[in-house]
């Protein structure tokens, strides 16, 4: 089953349960805010996000078997770990910049040096995040669905899911840009898509695609 079939399924599933779709989209949008809460955000997300995804899978009957909550949260923490490290690094960069600012190093050159000295660490964190996703992304979604009962490493399937997620993001961005040019109501429709449609559409598409692998 291909990418287009999963995307088509997600839109049809949303259309059949618009009320539930909007509700879960709002919940997912709220959870996305946790990404921006320093340090504790990813930890909280690792515990809550799998449960919400499982509720979505159950609502649209995508579940295969019961979810092993402890295993799912364990792999969620593994996937979130690089983001947690990145948060710590960024938090340190902000403190470093502020300390230089208030200590009198107000010229742009000094601040730029502080930022550049941390770029390597940030780049490494992002690279680690990609590697971890390549190892455990399939395991995470498969555990949510009950397709797997323990943590497994399947690089091919994980990369496939990662690419699928990127494609979904690009398609969503293109659709938003098209909608945004509509006079008067374009921005309103764009906000509706971002907060009431796209979040659950993306979740349904990825869950459906994972189930088919």
Protein backbone atom coordinates (compact mmCIF):
# COMPACT_ATOMS: atom_id res chain seq x y z
CA UNK A 1 0.00 0.00 0.00
CA UNK A 2 1.55 3.31 -1.06
CA UNK A 3 1.83 6.82 0.23
CA UNK A 4 -1.10 8.17 -1.77
CA UNK A 5 -3.42 5.46 -0.47
CA UNK A 6 -2.62 6.40 3.13
CA UNK A 7 -3.11 10.11 2.45
CA UNK A 8 -6.42 9.39 0.71
CA UNK A 9 -7.50 7.21 3.63
CA UNK A 10 -6.69 9.98 6.13
CA UNK A 11 -8.87 12.54 4.34
CA UNK A 12 -11.77 10.11 3.96
CA UNK A 13 -11.49 9.05 7.61
CA UNK A 14 -11.49 12.69 8.72
CA UNK A 15 -14.52 13.45 6.57
CA UNK A 16 -16.44 10.55 8.14
CA UNK A 17 -15.77 11.81 11.69
CA UNK A 18 -15.26 15.56 11.38
CA UNK A 19 -16.16 16.30 15.01
CA UNK A 20 -13.71 13.77 16.40
CA UNK A 21 -11.13 14.87 13.84
CA UNK A 22 -11.31 18.51 14.94
CA UNK A 23 -11.16 17.51 18.62
CA UNK A 24 -8.04 15.38 18.18
CA UNK A 25 -6.46 18.05 15.95
CA UNK A 26 -6.88 20.58 18.76
CA UNK A 27 -5.37 18.13 21.26
CA UNK A 28 -2.40 17.44 18.96
CA UNK A 29 -1.92 21.19 18.38
CA UNK A 30 -1.79 21.75 22.14
CA UNK A 31 0.71 18.90 22.51
CA UNK A 32 2.89 20.48 19.82
CA UNK A 33 3.36 23.45 22.15
CA UNK A 34 5.24 21.11 24.50
CA UNK A 35 8.08 20.97 21.95
CA UNK A 36 8.88 24.58 22.87
CA UNK A 37 8.87 24.11 26.65
CA UNK A 38 12.54 23.81 27.66
CA UNK A 39 13.71 20.38 28.84
CA UNK A 40 10.48 19.12 30.47
CA UNK A 41 8.43 19.54 27.27
CA UNK A 42 9.82 16.50 25.39
CA UNK A 43 9.62 14.38 28.56
CA UNK A 44 5.94 15.17 29.10
CA UNK A 45 5.31 14.64 25.38
CA UNK A 46 6.92 11.18 25.50
CA UNK A 47 4.37 10.09 28.11
CA UNK A 48 1.24 11.72 26.65
CA UNK A 49 1.72 11.55 22.86
CA UNK A 50 1.62 7.71 22.54
CA UNK A 51 -1.67 7.57 24.48
CA UNK A 52 -3.27 10.24 22.26
CA UNK A 53 -2.10 8.44 19.11
CA UNK A 54 -3.53 5.20 20.45
CA UNK A 55 -6.89 6.93 21.09
CA UNK A 56 -6.85 8.12 17.48
CA UNK A 57 -6.00 4.62 16.24
CA UNK A 58 -8.85 3.16 18.30
CA UNK A 59 -11.32 5.83 17.17
CA UNK A 60 -10.71 5.04 13.49
CA UNK A 61 -10.22 1.29 14.08
CA UNK A 62 -6.59 1.22 12.97
CA UNK A 63 -5.42 -0.69 16.06
CA UNK A 64 -4.24 -4.24 15.53
CA UNK A 65 -3.80 -5.34 19.15
CA UNK A 66 -3.52 -3.79 22.62
CA UNK A 67 -0.69 -1.33 23.18
CA UNK A 68 2.14 -2.18 25.55
CA UNK A 69 2.21 1.20 27.29
CA UNK A 70 5.57 0.80 29.04
CA UNK A 71 7.37 -0.33 25.87
CA UNK A 72 5.75 2.44 23.82
CA UNK A 73 6.71 5.14 26.31
CA UNK A 74 10.21 3.69 26.47
CA UNK A 75 10.75 4.01 22.74
CA UNK A 76 9.06 7.43 22.79
CA UNK A 77 11.65 8.59 25.33
CA UNK A 78 14.41 7.19 23.10
CA UNK A 79 13.04 9.11 20.09
CA UNK A 80 12.61 12.29 22.18
CA UNK A 81 16.10 12.06 23.78
CA UNK A 82 17.96 13.98 21.03
CA UNK A 83 15.31 16.72 21.20
CA UNK A 84 15.79 16.87 24.97
CA UNK A 85 19.56 17.24 24.49
CA UNK A 86 18.95 19.93 21.86
CA UNK A 87 16.69 21.80 24.31
CA UNK A 88 19.42 21.70 26.96
CA UNK A 89 22.01 22.98 24.46
CA UNK A 90 19.74 25.78 23.21
CA UNK A 91 18.88 26.73 26.78
CA UNK A 92 22.61 26.91 27.51
CA UNK A 93 23.18 29.06 24.40
CA UNK A 94 20.45 31.49 25.50
CA UNK A 95 21.96 31.77 28.99
CA UNK A 96 25.42 32.23 27.44
CA UNK A 97 24.20 34.99 25.12
CA UNK A 98 22.36 36.77 27.95
CA UNK A 99 25.38 36.56 30.24
CA UNK A 100 27.61 38.08 27.54
CA UNK A 101 25.02 40.77 26.89
CA UNK A 102 24.66 41.83 30.50
CA UNK A 103 28.40 41.58 31.17
CA UNK A 104 29.06 44.26 28.58
CA UNK A 105 29.82 42.20 25.46
CA UNK A 106 27.15 44.00 23.50
CA UNK A 107 28.87 44.20 20.16
CA UNK A 108 27.49 41.92 17.48
CA UNK A 109 30.87 40.28 16.90
CA UNK A 110 31.10 38.91 20.44
CA UNK A 111 27.54 37.61 20.38
CA UNK A 112 28.08 36.06 16.96
CA UNK A 113 31.14 34.22 18.29
CA UNK A 114 29.06 32.79 21.14
CA UNK A 115 26.41 31.56 18.72
CA UNK A 116 28.88 30.10 16.21
CA UNK A 117 30.71 28.21 18.96
CA UNK A 118 27.51 26.28 19.67
CA UNK A 119 26.46 25.58 16.08
CA UNK A 120 28.52 22.37 15.93
CA UNK A 121 26.82 20.98 19.03
CA UNK A 122 23.38 21.89 17.69
CA UNK A 123 24.20 20.27 14.32
CA UNK A 124 25.35 17.09 16.10
CA UNK A 125 22.10 16.99 18.11
CA UNK A 126 20.06 17.30 14.92
CA UNK A 127 22.13 14.55 13.26
CA UNK A 128 21.62 12.28 16.28
CA UNK A 129 17.87 12.98 16.14
CA UNK A 130 17.79 11.88 12.49
CA UNK A 131 19.78 8.72 13.24
CA UNK A 132 17.55 7.82 16.19
CA UNK A 133 14.46 8.38 14.05
CA UNK A 134 15.95 6.14 11.38
CA UNK A 135 16.30 3.40 13.98
CA UNK A 136 13.17 3.65 16.11
CA UNK A 137 10.41 5.51 14.22
CA UNK A 138 8.77 2.35 12.90
CA UNK A 139 9.00 0.72 16.33
CA UNK A 140 7.21 3.67 17.94
CA UNK A 141 4.21 3.72 15.60
CA UNK A 142 4.04 -0.09 15.40
CA UNK A 143 3.90 -0.29 19.21
CA UNK A 144 1.13 2.32 19.28
CA UNK A 145 -0.90 0.22 16.84
CA UNK A 146 -0.18 -3.01 18.69
CA UNK A 147 1.50 -4.33 15.56
CA UNK A 148 4.66 -5.02 17.58
CA UNK A 149 4.86 -6.12 21.22
CA UNK A 150 8.46 -5.07 21.85
CA UNK A 151 10.98 -2.56 20.60
CA UNK A 152 12.32 -3.50 17.18
CA UNK A 153 14.83 -1.79 14.91
CA UNK A 154 13.84 -1.65 11.26
CA UNK A 155 15.84 1.04 9.50
CA UNK A 156 14.17 0.61 6.11
CA UNK A 157 10.64 1.00 7.49
CA UNK A 158 11.65 3.83 9.83
CA UNK A 159 13.25 5.81 7.00
CA UNK A 160 10.17 5.15 4.88
CA UNK A 161 7.96 6.63 7.62
CA UNK A 162 10.34 9.58 8.01
CA UNK A 163 10.21 10.34 4.28
CA UNK A 164 6.44 9.96 4.35
CA UNK A 165 6.25 12.50 7.18
CA UNK A 166 8.39 14.95 5.20
CA UNK A 167 6.16 14.51 2.14
CA UNK A 168 3.08 15.20 4.28
CA UNK A 169 4.71 18.36 5.65
CA UNK A 170 5.61 19.62 2.17
CA UNK A 171 2.11 18.91 0.85
CA UNK A 172 0.57 20.70 3.83
CA UNK A 173 2.80 23.73 3.29
CA UNK A 174 1.94 23.91 -0.42
CA UNK A 175 -1.79 23.65 0.32
CA UNK A 176 -1.50 26.36 2.97
CA UNK A 177 0.31 28.70 0.56
CA UNK A 178 -2.37 28.16 -2.08
CA UNK A 179 -5.17 28.81 0.42
CA UNK A 180 -3.44 31.87 1.91
CA UNK A 181 -3.75 33.84 -1.36
CA UNK A 182 -7.57 33.67 -1.27
CA UNK A 183 -8.80 37.23 -0.63
CA UNK A 184 -10.27 38.07 2.80
CA UNK A 185 -10.82 34.52 4.13
CA UNK A 186 -7.52 32.96 3.06
CA UNK A 187 -5.76 33.46 6.40
CA UNK A 188 -8.80 32.15 8.30
CA UNK A 189 -8.92 28.96 6.21
CA UNK A 190 -5.17 28.53 6.68
CA UNK A 191 -5.55 28.69 10.48
CA UNK A 192 -8.43 26.20 10.37
CA UNK A 193 -6.29 23.79 8.35
CA UNK A 194 -3.32 24.11 10.71
CA UNK A 195 -5.25 23.70 13.95
CA UNK A 196 -8.37 21.69 13.08
CA UNK A 197 -7.43 19.52 10.09
CA UNK A 198 -3.73 18.91 9.43
CA UNK A 199 -2.70 17.48 12.84
CA UNK A 200 -5.08 14.52 12.85
CA UNK A 201 -4.82 14.04 9.07
CA UNK A 202 -1.07 13.62 9.50
CA UNK A 203 -1.48 11.23 12.44
CA UNK A 204 -4.04 9.10 10.60
CA UNK A 205 -1.93 8.97 7.44
CA UNK A 206 1.23 7.90 9.31
CA UNK A 207 -0.61 5.31 11.43
CA UNK A 208 -2.31 3.89 8.34
CA UNK A 209 0.98 3.82 6.43
CA UNK A 210 2.77 2.10 9.35
CA UNK A 211 0.01 -0.49 9.57
CA UNK A 212 0.50 -1.30 5.87
CA UNK A 213 4.27 -1.84 6.14
